Each structure stands twice: as structure tokens, then as C-alpha cells.
Amino acid sequence: MALNARRSWLIAYDIADPGRLNRVHRYLKGEAVPIQYSIFATNASANGIRRVHDALAMQIDPRRDDVRIYLLPQSLDISGIGSSFLPEGLLLPNHASLA
């Protein structure tokens, strides 16, 4: 992947300490779109997601916390159940909705 090509990423976290949890959540709200409380999605380049990764690494305790960043496939099938399928403003290119 070219360093400036934008792709879709999913960021999920499990943070043990309430203070760190609030900081990580606040930070990600500025960088990505919340999907659920501890799950965010963003469209970013490899350099952009590396910047997010490095910023999160400085905010967590790696012995107690878990942050995962997944590159989503370019062709994405999404199924959702409930009141909100995808938040307004979230663009996942080339996805086909099953909901």
C-alpha cells in the first residue's frame, strides 16, 4: 500500500484504568468515528494510522490495556442489527450493506 493511499481501518480497545480509558476515548473521537463505545473507524493513510498508533501507545499501559488496529478489506460486506447501522459521516468505500 502506498504511504499516502487512504484505506479503512477499525480501531478497538479495552482499557483497564478509567482515566486512561477517558483519554483514549477523547483522543480517538478526534481521529475517527465512533461505531460503538470502544470501537472506532477511520479512513487514513499508512502514515496517518501510524501516527494514531504511536499516540495511543503513549497513552496506554501495555501490560494492562489492549488496543487493536485492523485494516479493513477494500471490498467489505457489513451486516448490522439495531437502531444505528453506521454513524453519519462514516464512509467505507466499496461496501455492500446486508442490513
Protein backbone atom coordinates (compact mmCIF):
# COMPACT_ATOMS: atom_id res chain seq x y z
CA MET A 1 0.00 0.00 0.00
CA ALA A 2 1.31 3.45 -0.90
CA LEU A 3 2.03 5.51 2.19
CA ASN A 4 -0.41 8.23 1.09
CA ALA A 5 -3.25 5.91 -0.06
CA ARG A 6 -6.24 6.16 2.27
CA ARG A 7 -7.78 2.92 3.50
CA SER A 8 -10.46 1.97 6.02
CA TRP A 9 -9.30 0.98 9.50
CA LEU A 10 -11.09 -0.36 12.57
CA ILE A 11 -9.68 0.55 16.00
CA ALA A 12 -10.82 -1.35 19.09
CA TYR A 13 -9.65 -1.02 22.67
CA ASP A 14 -10.02 -2.45 26.16
CA ILE A 15 -8.52 -0.09 28.74
CA ALA A 16 -8.29 -1.13 32.40
CA ASP A 17 -7.99 2.29 34.08
CA PRO A 18 -10.89 4.80 33.90
CA GLY A 19 -8.52 7.76 33.46
CA ARG A 20 -6.65 6.17 30.57
CA LEU A 21 -9.97 4.96 29.13
CA ASN A 22 -11.33 8.52 29.04
CA ARG A 23 -8.11 9.89 27.48
CA VAL A 24 -8.05 7.21 24.77
CA HIS A 25 -11.75 7.69 24.01
CA ARG A 26 -11.38 11.50 23.81
CA TYR A 27 -8.32 11.19 21.58
CA LEU A 28 -10.00 8.75 19.19
CA LYS A 29 -13.13 10.92 18.92
CA GLY A 30 -10.83 13.50 17.30
CA GLU A 31 -9.25 11.00 14.93
CA ALA A 32 -12.02 8.55 13.98
CA VAL A 33 -15.77 7.94 14.02
CA PRO A 34 -17.21 6.00 16.97
CA ILE A 35 -19.02 2.83 15.90
CA GLN A 36 -19.65 1.55 19.41
CA TYR A 37 -18.19 2.68 22.73
CA SER A 38 -14.76 1.03 22.29
CA ILE A 39 -14.76 0.66 18.52
CA PHE A 40 -13.86 3.38 16.04
CA ALA A 41 -13.48 3.50 12.26
CA THR A 42 -11.40 5.84 10.15
CA ASN A 43 -10.12 6.35 6.63
CA ALA A 44 -6.41 7.07 6.86
CA SER A 45 -3.14 6.60 5.05
CA ALA A 46 -0.46 4.28 6.40
CA ASN A 47 1.36 7.32 7.77
CA GLY A 48 -1.86 8.60 9.37
CA ILE A 49 -2.66 5.31 11.09
CA ARG A 50 0.97 5.03 12.26
CA ARG A 51 0.59 8.47 13.88
CA VAL A 52 -2.61 7.29 15.63
CA HIS A 53 -0.87 4.06 16.70
CA ASP A 54 2.10 5.94 18.16
CA ALA A 55 -0.14 8.43 20.01
CA LEU A 56 -2.20 5.58 21.51
CA ALA A 57 0.95 3.68 22.51
CA MET A 58 1.97 6.67 24.64
CA GLN A 59 -1.42 6.80 26.41
CA ILE A 60 -1.87 3.17 27.46
CA ASP A 61 -0.27 0.71 29.86
CA PRO A 62 0.74 -2.17 27.54
CA ARG A 63 0.72 -4.62 30.48
CA ARG A 64 -2.94 -3.90 31.31
CA ASP A 65 -4.55 -2.40 28.20
CA ASP A 66 -5.29 -3.76 24.72
CA VAL A 67 -5.57 -1.65 21.55
CA ARG A 68 -6.01 -3.26 18.15
CA ILE A 69 -5.98 -1.64 14.73
CA TYR A 70 -7.36 -3.65 11.81
CA LEU A 71 -7.00 -2.80 8.14
CA LEU A 72 -10.40 -3.46 6.56
CA PRO A 73 -10.59 -5.11 3.13
CA GLN A 74 -11.35 -2.89 0.17
CA SER A 75 -14.46 -4.93 -0.59
CA LEU A 76 -16.42 -5.06 2.64
CA ASP A 77 -19.77 -6.66 3.46
CA ILE A 78 -21.36 -5.24 6.60
CA SER A 79 -24.36 -6.57 8.47
CA GLY A 80 -25.92 -4.69 11.35
CA ILE A 81 -28.76 -5.20 13.79
CA GLY A 82 -30.17 -2.39 15.90
CA SER A 83 -31.05 1.25 15.68
CA SER A 84 -27.86 2.57 14.07
CA PHE A 85 -26.16 0.80 11.21
CA LEU A 86 -23.25 3.21 10.53
CA PRO A 87 -22.78 6.65 12.06
CA GLU A 88 -23.36 9.67 9.84
CA GLY A 89 -20.14 10.75 8.18
CA LEU A 90 -18.52 7.33 8.12
CA LEU A 91 -17.54 6.40 4.59
CA LEU A 92 -16.38 2.84 4.00
CA PRO A 93 -15.62 2.57 0.30
CA ASN A 94 -16.87 -0.37 -1.73
CA HIS A 95 -19.02 -1.91 1.00
CA ALA A 96 -22.30 -3.70 0.39
CA SER A 97 -24.82 -3.48 3.21
CA LEU A 98 -26.76 -6.56 4.22
CA ALA A 99 -28.87 -4.69 6.78
